[in-house]
Amino acid sequence: MHHFFSERLILRSWKKEDYAPFFDINNDSEVVRFLPGTLSREENDAFISRIESHFAKYGFGLFACEHKHDGVFIGFVGLSIPSFSCDFTPCVEIGWRLARKYWGQGLATEGAKRVLKYARDALNLERVVSFTVPDNVGSRRVMEKLGMRYIKDFDHPALDKDHRLCRHVLYEIELNGEDQ
């Protein structure tokens, strides 16, 4: 399994010790504000199992993210292939979810920059997308700091049209050097 380092982060494979702190992250009302909701212990563990299956199938995925300073697990940053189908899939998505106490320090951007370098140099990906709901200003700011461009609004095909999170914004970055 790959391990990557940035200035302040270690991006690595998941460990059993990550389950409990990840559960705490997924049950912080601010963290899940733009997600469908909190996760039960079973849903949390199933999510990590899906992440590990994605790594096994594709050779990449959502990396567990550890703070170098104290070795604390703080969330994930990584790549995934969306399971839904729409006009911009198949594609590879970059995403992140960090514990709230680590927000506003540039850590998501730092980790995501390292992941994009991996996507370009090791995986030879030409394009990576990211998406969120329009009100998720924090994630949109990270996308913009990464050099991603807003493409369009779309309705998430996995959600009902009247769901509060149905409307999404799509961003993308070309990794062939033009946007880098």
N, C-alpha and C. Protein backbone atom coordinates (compact mmCIF):
# COMPACT_ATOMS: atom_id res chain seq x y z
N MET A 1 0.85 -1.20 0.00
CA MET A 1 0.00 0.00 0.00
C MET A 1 0.88 1.25 0.00
N HIS A 2 0.42 2.26 -0.65
CA HIS A 2 1.19 3.50 -0.78
C HIS A 2 1.13 4.34 0.49
N HIS A 3 2.20 5.03 0.73
CA HIS A 3 2.23 6.06 1.77
C HIS A 3 2.78 7.31 1.10
N PHE A 4 2.14 8.44 1.37
CA PHE A 4 2.61 9.70 0.81
C PHE A 4 2.80 10.67 1.94
N PHE A 5 3.70 11.59 1.71
CA PHE A 5 3.94 12.61 2.71
C PHE A 5 3.81 13.97 2.07
N SER A 6 3.27 14.89 2.81
CA SER A 6 3.33 16.30 2.43
C SER A 6 4.00 16.99 3.61
N GLU A 7 4.02 18.28 3.61
CA GLU A 7 4.72 18.99 4.68
C GLU A 7 4.21 18.60 6.07
N ARG A 8 2.87 18.52 6.22
CA ARG A 8 2.30 18.27 7.55
C ARG A 8 1.50 16.99 7.66
N LEU A 9 1.39 16.24 6.55
CA LEU A 9 0.48 15.09 6.54
C LEU A 9 1.16 13.80 6.10
N ILE A 10 0.58 12.70 6.58
CA ILE A 10 0.90 11.37 6.07
C ILE A 10 -0.40 10.83 5.49
N LEU A 11 -0.38 10.45 4.23
CA LEU A 11 -1.53 9.83 3.57
C LEU A 11 -1.18 8.35 3.46
N ARG A 12 -2.03 7.50 4.02
CA ARG A 12 -1.67 6.09 4.16
C ARG A 12 -2.90 5.19 4.07
N SER A 13 -2.63 3.88 4.13
CA SER A 13 -3.73 2.92 4.17
C SER A 13 -4.41 2.98 5.55
N TRP A 14 -5.61 2.44 5.61
CA TRP A 14 -6.42 2.50 6.82
C TRP A 14 -5.99 1.44 7.83
N LYS A 15 -6.14 1.78 9.12
CA LYS A 15 -5.84 0.86 10.21
C LYS A 15 -7.08 0.69 11.08
N LYS A 16 -7.11 -0.39 11.85
CA LYS A 16 -8.23 -0.62 12.77
C LYS A 16 -8.42 0.58 13.71
N GLU A 17 -7.32 1.21 14.11
CA GLU A 17 -7.39 2.34 15.05
C GLU A 17 -8.07 3.57 14.45
N ASP A 18 -8.27 3.58 13.14
CA ASP A 18 -8.91 4.73 12.49
C ASP A 18 -10.43 4.68 12.61
N TYR A 19 -10.99 3.50 12.87
CA TYR A 19 -12.45 3.34 12.85
C TYR A 19 -13.14 4.26 13.85
N ALA A 20 -12.67 4.29 15.08
CA ALA A 20 -13.34 5.09 16.12
C ALA A 20 -13.24 6.59 15.85
N PRO A 21 -12.04 7.12 15.55
CA PRO A 21 -12.01 8.55 15.25
C PRO A 21 -12.76 8.93 13.99
N PHE A 22 -12.83 8.02 13.00
CA PHE A 22 -13.60 8.29 11.79
C PHE A 22 -15.09 8.34 12.12
N PHE A 23 -15.52 7.47 13.01
CA PHE A 23 -16.91 7.48 13.48
C PHE A 23 -17.22 8.84 14.12
N ASP A 24 -16.30 9.35 14.93
CA ASP A 24 -16.51 10.66 15.56
C ASP A 24 -16.63 11.76 14.51
N ILE A 25 -15.77 11.72 13.50
CA ILE A 25 -15.83 12.71 12.41
C ILE A 25 -17.19 12.64 11.71
N ASN A 26 -17.64 11.42 11.42
CA ASN A 26 -18.90 11.23 10.70
C ASN A 26 -20.13 11.50 11.55
N ASN A 27 -19.93 11.82 12.80
CA ASN A 27 -21.05 12.14 13.68
C ASN A 27 -20.96 13.56 14.22
N ASP A 28 -20.11 14.37 13.59
CA ASP A 28 -20.03 15.79 13.90
C ASP A 28 -21.02 16.50 12.97
N SER A 29 -21.99 17.18 13.54
CA SER A 29 -23.05 17.80 12.73
C SER A 29 -22.51 18.80 11.71
N GLU A 30 -21.41 19.47 12.02
CA GLU A 30 -20.83 20.42 11.06
C GLU A 30 -20.15 19.69 9.91
N VAL A 31 -19.46 18.60 10.22
CA VAL A 31 -18.77 17.82 9.17
C VAL A 31 -19.78 17.27 8.17
N VAL A 32 -20.92 16.76 8.67
CA VAL A 32 -21.90 16.12 7.78
C VAL A 32 -22.99 17.07 7.31
N ARG A 33 -22.80 18.36 7.55
CA ARG A 33 -23.81 19.36 7.17
C ARG A 33 -24.22 19.26 5.71
N PHE A 34 -23.27 18.97 4.83
CA PHE A 34 -23.56 18.90 3.40
C PHE A 34 -23.56 17.45 2.90
N LEU A 35 -23.72 16.51 3.82
CA LEU A 35 -23.84 15.09 3.50
C LEU A 35 -25.22 14.63 3.94
N PRO A 36 -25.66 13.46 3.50
CA PRO A 36 -27.02 13.02 3.85
C PRO A 36 -27.29 12.91 5.35
N GLY A 37 -26.25 12.66 6.16
CA GLY A 37 -26.48 12.58 7.61
C GLY A 37 -25.34 11.89 8.31
N THR A 38 -25.50 11.70 9.61
CA THR A 38 -24.49 11.02 10.41
C THR A 38 -24.50 9.53 10.07
N LEU A 39 -23.45 8.84 10.48
CA LEU A 39 -23.34 7.41 10.21
C LEU A 39 -23.39 6.62 11.51
N SER A 40 -24.10 5.50 11.47
CA SER A 40 -24.07 4.57 12.61
C SER A 40 -22.70 3.90 12.62
N ARG A 41 -22.40 3.18 13.68
CA ARG A 41 -21.13 2.45 13.77
C ARG A 41 -21.02 1.47 12.59
N GLU A 42 -22.11 0.79 12.27
CA GLU A 42 -22.10 -0.19 11.17
C GLU A 42 -21.88 0.50 9.82
N GLU A 43 -22.57 1.64 9.60
CA GLU A 43 -22.40 2.38 8.34
C GLU A 43 -20.98 2.92 8.22
N ASN A 44 -20.43 3.40 9.32
CA ASN A 44 -19.06 3.91 9.35
C ASN A 44 -18.08 2.81 8.94
N ASP A 45 -18.23 1.63 9.57
CA ASP A 45 -17.32 0.53 9.28
C ASP A 45 -17.50 0.03 7.84
N ALA A 46 -18.75 0.03 7.35
CA ALA A 46 -19.02 -0.38 5.97
C ALA A 46 -18.39 0.61 4.98
N PHE A 47 -18.39 1.89 5.33
CA PHE A 47 -17.77 2.91 4.48
C PHE A 47 -16.27 2.62 4.34
N ILE A 48 -15.61 2.33 5.46
CA ILE A 48 -14.18 2.01 5.41
C ILE A 48 -13.96 0.74 4.59
N SER A 49 -14.83 -0.25 4.74
CA SER A 49 -14.72 -1.49 3.94
C SER A 49 -14.83 -1.19 2.45
N ARG A 50 -15.75 -0.27 2.08
CA ARG A 50 -15.89 0.11 0.66
C ARG A 50 -14.62 0.82 0.17
N ILE A 51 -14.03 1.65 1.03
CA ILE A 51 -12.77 2.33 0.67
C ILE A 51 -11.69 1.27 0.41
N GLU A 52 -11.58 0.30 1.29
CA GLU A 52 -10.55 -0.73 1.14
C GLU A 52 -10.81 -1.60 -0.09
N SER A 53 -12.08 -1.87 -0.40
CA SER A 53 -12.42 -2.63 -1.62
C SER A 53 -12.05 -1.84 -2.87
N HIS A 54 -12.25 -0.52 -2.82
CA HIS A 54 -11.90 0.35 -3.95
C HIS A 54 -10.40 0.28 -4.20
N PHE A 55 -9.59 0.35 -3.12
CA PHE A 55 -8.13 0.21 -3.26
C PHE A 55 -7.78 -1.13 -3.90
N ALA A 56 -8.44 -2.20 -3.43
CA ALA A 56 -8.14 -3.55 -3.94
C ALA A 56 -8.49 -3.66 -5.42
N LYS A 57 -9.59 -3.03 -5.83
CA LYS A 57 -10.06 -3.14 -7.22
C LYS A 57 -9.28 -2.23 -8.17
N TYR A 58 -9.02 -0.99 -7.75
CA TYR A 58 -8.44 0.01 -8.66
C TYR A 58 -6.99 0.38 -8.37
N GLY A 59 -6.50 0.04 -7.17
CA GLY A 59 -5.12 0.39 -6.82
C GLY A 59 -4.96 1.78 -6.26
N PHE A 60 -6.06 2.49 -6.10
CA PHE A 60 -6.04 3.81 -5.47
C PHE A 60 -7.36 4.01 -4.75
N GLY A 61 -7.42 5.08 -3.95
CA GLY A 61 -8.65 5.33 -3.22
C GLY A 61 -8.54 6.51 -2.27
N LEU A 62 -9.36 6.49 -1.24
CA LEU A 62 -9.38 7.55 -0.24
C LEU A 62 -8.38 7.18 0.85
N PHE A 63 -7.30 7.94 0.94
CA PHE A 63 -6.24 7.64 1.90
C PHE A 63 -6.61 8.15 3.29
N ALA A 64 -6.31 7.34 4.30
CA ALA A 64 -6.40 7.82 5.67
C ALA A 64 -5.37 8.93 5.82
N CYS A 65 -5.72 9.94 6.55
CA CYS A 65 -4.89 11.14 6.67
C CYS A 65 -4.47 11.31 8.12
N GLU A 66 -3.18 11.39 8.33
CA GLU A 66 -2.62 11.49 9.68
C GLU A 66 -1.81 12.77 9.77
N HIS A 67 -1.92 13.46 10.89
CA HIS A 67 -1.12 14.67 11.11
C HIS A 67 0.28 14.24 11.52
N LYS A 68 1.30 14.71 10.78
CA LYS A 68 2.68 14.32 11.07
C LYS A 68 3.11 14.71 12.48
N HIS A 69 2.65 15.86 12.91
CA HIS A 69 3.09 16.43 14.19
C HIS A 69 2.85 15.49 15.36
N ASP A 70 1.65 14.89 15.42
CA ASP A 70 1.33 14.07 16.59
C ASP A 70 0.79 12.68 16.23
N GLY A 71 0.77 12.35 14.92
CA GLY A 71 0.32 11.03 14.51
C GLY A 71 -1.18 10.79 14.64
N VAL A 72 -1.95 11.87 14.81
CA VAL A 72 -3.40 11.74 14.99
C VAL A 72 -4.09 11.57 13.64
N PHE A 73 -5.02 10.60 13.57
CA PHE A 73 -5.85 10.42 12.39
C PHE A 73 -6.82 11.60 12.30
N ILE A 74 -6.85 12.27 11.15
CA ILE A 74 -7.71 13.46 11.04
C ILE A 74 -8.77 13.37 9.95
N GLY A 75 -8.83 12.24 9.21
CA GLY A 75 -9.85 12.11 8.17
C GLY A 75 -9.29 11.43 6.94
N PHE A 76 -9.82 11.80 5.77
CA PHE A 76 -9.30 11.22 4.54
C PHE A 76 -9.15 12.27 3.46
N VAL A 77 -8.24 11.98 2.54
CA VAL A 77 -8.07 12.73 1.30
C VAL A 77 -7.73 11.69 0.24
N GLY A 78 -8.38 11.75 -0.91
CA GLY A 78 -8.02 10.78 -1.93
C GLY A 78 -8.90 10.79 -3.14
N LEU A 79 -8.83 9.70 -3.87
CA LEU A 79 -9.50 9.56 -5.16
C LEU A 79 -10.49 8.42 -5.12
N SER A 80 -11.59 8.57 -5.85
CA SER A 80 -12.55 7.48 -5.96
C SER A 80 -13.26 7.57 -7.30
N ILE A 81 -13.80 6.44 -7.71
CA ILE A 81 -14.59 6.39 -8.93
C ILE A 81 -16.06 6.40 -8.51
N PRO A 82 -16.79 7.46 -8.85
CA PRO A 82 -18.20 7.54 -8.43
C PRO A 82 -19.00 6.34 -8.94
N SER A 83 -19.90 5.85 -8.09
CA SER A 83 -20.69 4.66 -8.44
C SER A 83 -21.93 5.01 -9.26
N PHE A 84 -22.28 6.30 -9.32
CA PHE A 84 -23.45 6.68 -10.10
C PHE A 84 -23.07 6.94 -11.55
N SER A 85 -24.09 7.05 -12.38
CA SER A 85 -23.88 7.27 -13.80
C SER A 85 -24.55 8.57 -14.21
N CYS A 86 -23.83 9.42 -14.92
CA CYS A 86 -24.39 10.66 -15.49
C CYS A 86 -23.52 11.12 -16.64
N ASP A 87 -23.73 12.33 -17.11
CA ASP A 87 -23.04 12.75 -18.34
C ASP A 87 -21.54 12.99 -18.18
N PHE A 88 -21.01 13.06 -16.95
CA PHE A 88 -19.56 13.24 -16.81
C PHE A 88 -18.87 11.99 -16.23
N THR A 89 -19.61 10.89 -16.09
CA THR A 89 -18.99 9.64 -15.65
C THR A 89 -18.81 8.73 -16.87
N PRO A 90 -17.89 7.78 -16.84
CA PRO A 90 -17.00 7.48 -15.72
C PRO A 90 -15.93 8.57 -15.55
N CYS A 91 -15.49 8.72 -14.31
CA CYS A 91 -14.50 9.73 -14.00
C CYS A 91 -13.82 9.35 -12.69
N VAL A 92 -12.80 10.10 -12.33
CA VAL A 92 -12.16 9.94 -11.03
C VAL A 92 -12.38 11.23 -10.26
N GLU A 93 -12.86 11.07 -9.04
CA GLU A 93 -13.19 12.21 -8.18
C GLU A 93 -12.13 12.35 -7.10
N ILE A 94 -11.77 13.58 -6.77
CA ILE A 94 -10.93 13.84 -5.60
C ILE A 94 -11.84 14.36 -4.50
N GLY A 95 -11.60 13.88 -3.29
CA GLY A 95 -12.44 14.31 -2.18
C GLY A 95 -11.68 14.28 -0.87
N TRP A 96 -12.29 14.87 0.15
CA TRP A 96 -11.67 14.97 1.46
C TRP A 96 -12.74 15.09 2.52
N ARG A 97 -12.40 14.67 3.72
CA ARG A 97 -13.26 14.86 4.89
C ARG A 97 -12.34 14.89 6.10
N LEU A 98 -12.24 16.04 6.72
CA LEU A 98 -11.35 16.19 7.87
C LEU A 98 -12.14 16.52 9.13
N ALA A 99 -11.58 16.12 10.25
CA ALA A 99 -12.16 16.49 11.54
C ALA A 99 -12.22 18.02 11.63
N ARG A 100 -13.28 18.52 12.24
CA ARG A 100 -13.53 19.96 12.26
C ARG A 100 -12.38 20.76 12.87
N LYS A 101 -11.73 20.23 13.89
CA LYS A 101 -10.65 21.00 14.54
C LYS A 101 -9.46 21.25 13.60
N TYR A 102 -9.44 20.55 12.46
CA TYR A 102 -8.34 20.73 11.50
C TYR A 102 -8.76 21.56 10.28
N TRP A 103 -9.97 22.11 10.32
CA TRP A 103 -10.41 22.96 9.23
C TRP A 103 -9.69 24.31 9.27
N GLY A 104 -9.63 24.96 8.12
CA GLY A 104 -9.11 26.33 8.07
C GLY A 104 -7.61 26.45 8.19
N GLN A 105 -6.89 25.33 8.09
CA GLN A 105 -5.43 25.35 8.22
C GLN A 105 -4.73 25.00 6.91
N GLY A 106 -5.53 24.83 5.84
CA GLY A 106 -4.95 24.48 4.54
C GLY A 106 -4.57 23.00 4.41
N LEU A 107 -5.01 22.17 5.35
CA LEU A 107 -4.61 20.76 5.32
C LEU A 107 -5.30 19.98 4.21
N ALA A 108 -6.58 20.25 3.96
CA ALA A 108 -7.27 19.57 2.86
C ALA A 108 -6.60 19.92 1.53
N THR A 109 -6.28 21.20 1.35
CA THR A 109 -5.61 21.64 0.12
C THR A 109 -4.24 20.98 0.00
N GLU A 110 -3.49 20.96 1.09
CA GLU A 110 -2.15 20.36 1.07
C GLU A 110 -2.22 18.87 0.71
N GLY A 111 -3.12 18.15 1.35
CA GLY A 111 -3.27 16.73 1.06
C GLY A 111 -3.75 16.48 -0.36
N ALA A 112 -4.71 17.30 -0.80
CA ALA A 112 -5.27 17.13 -2.14
C ALA A 112 -4.23 17.46 -3.22
N LYS A 113 -3.37 18.44 -2.98
CA LYS A 113 -2.29 18.74 -3.95
C LYS A 113 -1.38 17.53 -4.11
N ARG A 114 -1.07 16.88 -2.98
CA ARG A 114 -0.21 15.69 -3.03
C ARG A 114 -0.92 14.56 -3.79
N VAL A 115 -2.21 14.41 -3.57
CA VAL A 115 -2.98 13.37 -4.26
C VAL A 115 -3.06 13.65 -5.77
N LEU A 116 -3.21 14.92 -6.14
CA LEU A 116 -3.25 15.26 -7.58
C LEU A 116 -1.91 14.95 -8.24
N LYS A 117 -0.81 15.20 -7.53
CA LYS A 117 0.52 14.87 -8.07
C LYS A 117 0.61 13.36 -8.31
N TYR A 118 0.12 12.58 -7.36
CA TYR A 118 0.08 11.12 -7.49
C TYR A 118 -0.81 10.71 -8.68
N ALA A 119 -1.97 11.36 -8.80
CA ALA A 119 -2.91 11.05 -9.88
C ALA A 119 -2.25 11.28 -11.25
N ARG A 120 -1.49 12.36 -11.35
CA ARG A 120 -0.83 12.70 -12.61
C ARG A 120 0.40 11.82 -12.85
N ASP A 121 1.28 11.74 -11.86
CA ASP A 121 2.58 11.10 -12.06
C ASP A 121 2.53 9.57 -12.00
N ALA A 122 1.75 9.02 -11.08
CA ALA A 122 1.73 7.56 -10.90
C ALA A 122 0.57 6.90 -11.65
N LEU A 123 -0.58 7.56 -11.67
CA LEU A 123 -1.76 6.95 -12.29
C LEU A 123 -1.98 7.42 -13.72
N ASN A 124 -1.22 8.46 -14.13
CA ASN A 124 -1.34 9.01 -15.49
C ASN A 124 -2.76 9.45 -15.82
N LEU A 125 -3.47 9.96 -14.83
CA LEU A 125 -4.82 10.47 -15.08
C LEU A 125 -4.72 11.80 -15.80
N GLU A 126 -5.63 12.01 -16.74
CA GLU A 126 -5.63 13.27 -17.49
C GLU A 126 -6.57 14.29 -16.88
N ARG A 127 -7.56 13.81 -16.11
CA ARG A 127 -8.60 14.72 -15.61
C ARG A 127 -9.12 14.17 -14.30
N VAL A 128 -9.35 15.06 -13.35
CA VAL A 128 -9.96 14.70 -12.07
C VAL A 128 -11.08 15.69 -11.82
N VAL A 129 -12.18 15.19 -11.28
CA VAL A 129 -13.32 16.06 -10.96
C VAL A 129 -13.51 16.12 -9.45
N SER A 130 -14.31 17.07 -9.03
CA SER A 130 -14.76 17.14 -7.65
C SER A 130 -16.14 17.79 -7.67
N PHE A 131 -16.97 17.44 -6.70
CA PHE A 131 -18.29 18.04 -6.66
C PHE A 131 -18.80 18.10 -5.24
N THR A 132 -19.68 19.04 -5.02
CA THR A 132 -20.30 19.24 -3.71
C THR A 132 -21.58 20.03 -3.92
N VAL A 133 -22.26 20.31 -2.82
CA VAL A 133 -23.45 21.17 -2.92
C VAL A 133 -23.00 22.62 -3.02
N PRO A 134 -23.80 23.48 -3.66
CA PRO A 134 -23.39 24.88 -3.87
C PRO A 134 -23.00 25.63 -2.59
N ASP A 135 -23.66 25.32 -1.47
CA ASP A 135 -23.39 26.05 -0.22
C ASP A 135 -22.13 25.62 0.51
N ASN A 136 -21.49 24.55 0.05
CA ASN A 136 -20.29 24.07 0.74
C ASN A 136 -19.08 24.91 0.33
N VAL A 137 -19.06 26.11 0.90
CA VAL A 137 -18.05 27.11 0.53
C VAL A 137 -16.64 26.62 0.84
N GLY A 138 -16.47 25.92 1.96
CA GLY A 138 -15.15 25.43 2.35
C GLY A 138 -14.56 24.50 1.32
N SER A 139 -15.33 23.51 0.89
CA SER A 139 -14.83 22.57 -0.12
C SER A 139 -14.63 23.25 -1.47
N ARG A 140 -15.52 24.15 -1.82
CA ARG A 140 -15.36 24.87 -3.09
C ARG A 140 -14.08 25.70 -3.07
N ARG A 141 -13.75 26.26 -1.92
CA ARG A 141 -12.52 27.04 -1.79
C ARG A 141 -11.30 26.13 -2.00
N VAL A 142 -11.34 24.93 -1.44
CA VAL A 142 -10.24 23.98 -1.66
C VAL A 142 -10.12 23.66 -3.15
N MET A 143 -11.25 23.39 -3.81
CA MET A 143 -11.23 23.09 -5.24
C MET A 143 -10.56 24.22 -6.02
N GLU A 144 -10.92 25.44 -5.67
CA GLU A 144 -10.36 26.60 -6.38
C GLU A 144 -8.87 26.76 -6.09
N LYS A 145 -8.45 26.52 -4.84
CA LYS A 145 -7.02 26.60 -4.50
C LYS A 145 -6.21 25.54 -5.24
N LEU A 146 -6.86 24.42 -5.57
CA LEU A 146 -6.18 23.36 -6.32
C LEU A 146 -6.07 23.70 -7.81
N GLY A 147 -6.72 24.77 -8.23
CA GLY A 147 -6.70 25.13 -9.64
C GLY A 147 -7.83 24.48 -10.42
N MET A 148 -8.80 23.92 -9.71
CA MET A 148 -9.95 23.31 -10.40
C MET A 148 -10.87 24.41 -10.92
N ARG A 149 -11.52 24.13 -12.03
CA ARG A 149 -12.44 25.08 -12.64
C ARG A 149 -13.87 24.63 -12.45
N TYR A 150 -14.74 25.59 -12.14
CA TYR A 150 -16.17 25.30 -12.08
C TYR A 150 -16.64 24.96 -13.49
N ILE A 151 -17.39 23.86 -13.62
CA ILE A 151 -17.90 23.44 -14.93
C ILE A 151 -19.39 23.72 -15.04
N LYS A 152 -20.17 23.25 -14.06
CA LYS A 152 -21.63 23.42 -14.16
C LYS A 152 -22.31 22.98 -12.87
N ASP A 153 -23.58 23.31 -12.77
CA ASP A 153 -24.45 22.76 -11.74
C ASP A 153 -25.07 21.48 -12.30
N PHE A 154 -25.37 20.53 -11.43
CA PHE A 154 -26.08 19.33 -11.86
C PHE A 154 -26.87 18.75 -10.69
N ASP A 155 -27.85 17.95 -11.02
CA ASP A 155 -28.62 17.23 -10.00
C ASP A 155 -27.98 15.87 -9.79
N HIS A 156 -27.61 15.57 -8.54
CA HIS A 156 -26.96 14.30 -8.22
C HIS A 156 -27.93 13.15 -8.51
N PRO A 157 -27.57 12.23 -9.42
CA PRO A 157 -28.51 11.19 -9.83
C PRO A 157 -28.88 10.20 -8.72
N ALA A 158 -28.11 10.15 -7.65
CA ALA A 158 -28.42 9.20 -6.57
C ALA A 158 -29.41 9.79 -5.56
N LEU A 159 -29.80 11.05 -5.74
CA LEU A 159 -30.70 11.71 -4.80
C LEU A 159 -32.00 12.13 -5.49
N ASP A 160 -33.09 12.09 -4.74
CA ASP A 160 -34.38 12.56 -5.28
C ASP A 160 -34.28 14.03 -5.63
N LYS A 161 -35.03 14.43 -6.64
CA LYS A 161 -35.00 15.83 -7.11
C LYS A 161 -35.35 16.82 -6.00
N ASP A 162 -36.19 16.41 -5.03
CA ASP A 162 -36.58 17.34 -3.97
C ASP A 162 -35.72 17.19 -2.71
N HIS A 163 -34.67 16.36 -2.78
CA HIS A 163 -33.76 16.22 -1.64
C HIS A 163 -32.97 17.52 -1.46
N ARG A 164 -32.74 17.91 -0.22
CA ARG A 164 -32.04 19.18 0.06
C ARG A 164 -30.63 19.21 -0.51
N LEU A 165 -30.04 18.06 -0.80
CA LEU A 165 -28.68 18.01 -1.31
C LEU A 165 -28.60 17.62 -2.79
N CYS A 166 -29.73 17.59 -3.47
CA CYS A 166 -29.75 17.12 -4.86
C CYS A 166 -28.85 17.98 -5.76
N ARG A 167 -28.97 19.30 -5.64
CA ARG A 167 -28.21 20.20 -6.52
C ARG A 167 -26.74 20.19 -6.13
N HIS A 168 -25.87 20.00 -7.12
CA HIS A 168 -24.42 19.96 -6.91
C HIS A 168 -23.72 20.88 -7.91
N VAL A 169 -22.48 21.21 -7.59
CA VAL A 169 -21.61 21.93 -8.51
C VAL A 169 -20.45 21.00 -8.87
N LEU A 170 -20.09 21.01 -10.14
CA LEU A 170 -19.01 20.17 -10.65
C LEU A 170 -17.80 21.04 -10.98
N TYR A 171 -16.63 20.59 -10.51
CA TYR A 171 -15.36 21.22 -10.83
C TYR A 171 -14.46 20.17 -11.47
N GLU A 172 -13.49 20.62 -12.27
CA GLU A 172 -12.53 19.67 -12.84
C GLU A 172 -11.18 20.33 -13.00
N ILE A 173 -10.17 19.48 -13.13
CA ILE A 173 -8.81 19.94 -13.43
C ILE A 173 -8.21 18.98 -14.44
N GLU A 174 -7.54 19.55 -15.44
CA GLU A 174 -6.80 18.76 -16.42
C GLU A 174 -5.40 18.57 -15.86
N LEU A 175 -4.89 17.34 -15.87
CA LEU A 175 -3.60 17.04 -15.27
C LEU A 175 -2.48 16.90 -16.29
N ASN A 176 -2.72 17.37 -17.51
CA ASN A 176 -1.70 17.26 -18.54
C ASN A 176 -0.75 18.45 -18.53
N GLY A 177 -0.80 19.25 -17.47
CA GLY A 177 0.15 20.34 -17.34
C GLY A 177 -0.45 21.70 -17.56
N GLU A 178 -1.57 21.79 -18.28
CA GLU A 178 -2.14 23.09 -18.60
C GLU A 178 -2.62 23.83 -17.35
N ASP A 179 -3.24 23.09 -16.41
CA ASP A 179 -3.79 23.73 -15.22
C ASP A 179 -2.80 23.75 -14.06
N GLN A 180 -1.71 23.02 -14.21
CA GLN A 180 -0.81 22.83 -13.07
C GLN A 180 0.11 24.02 -12.87
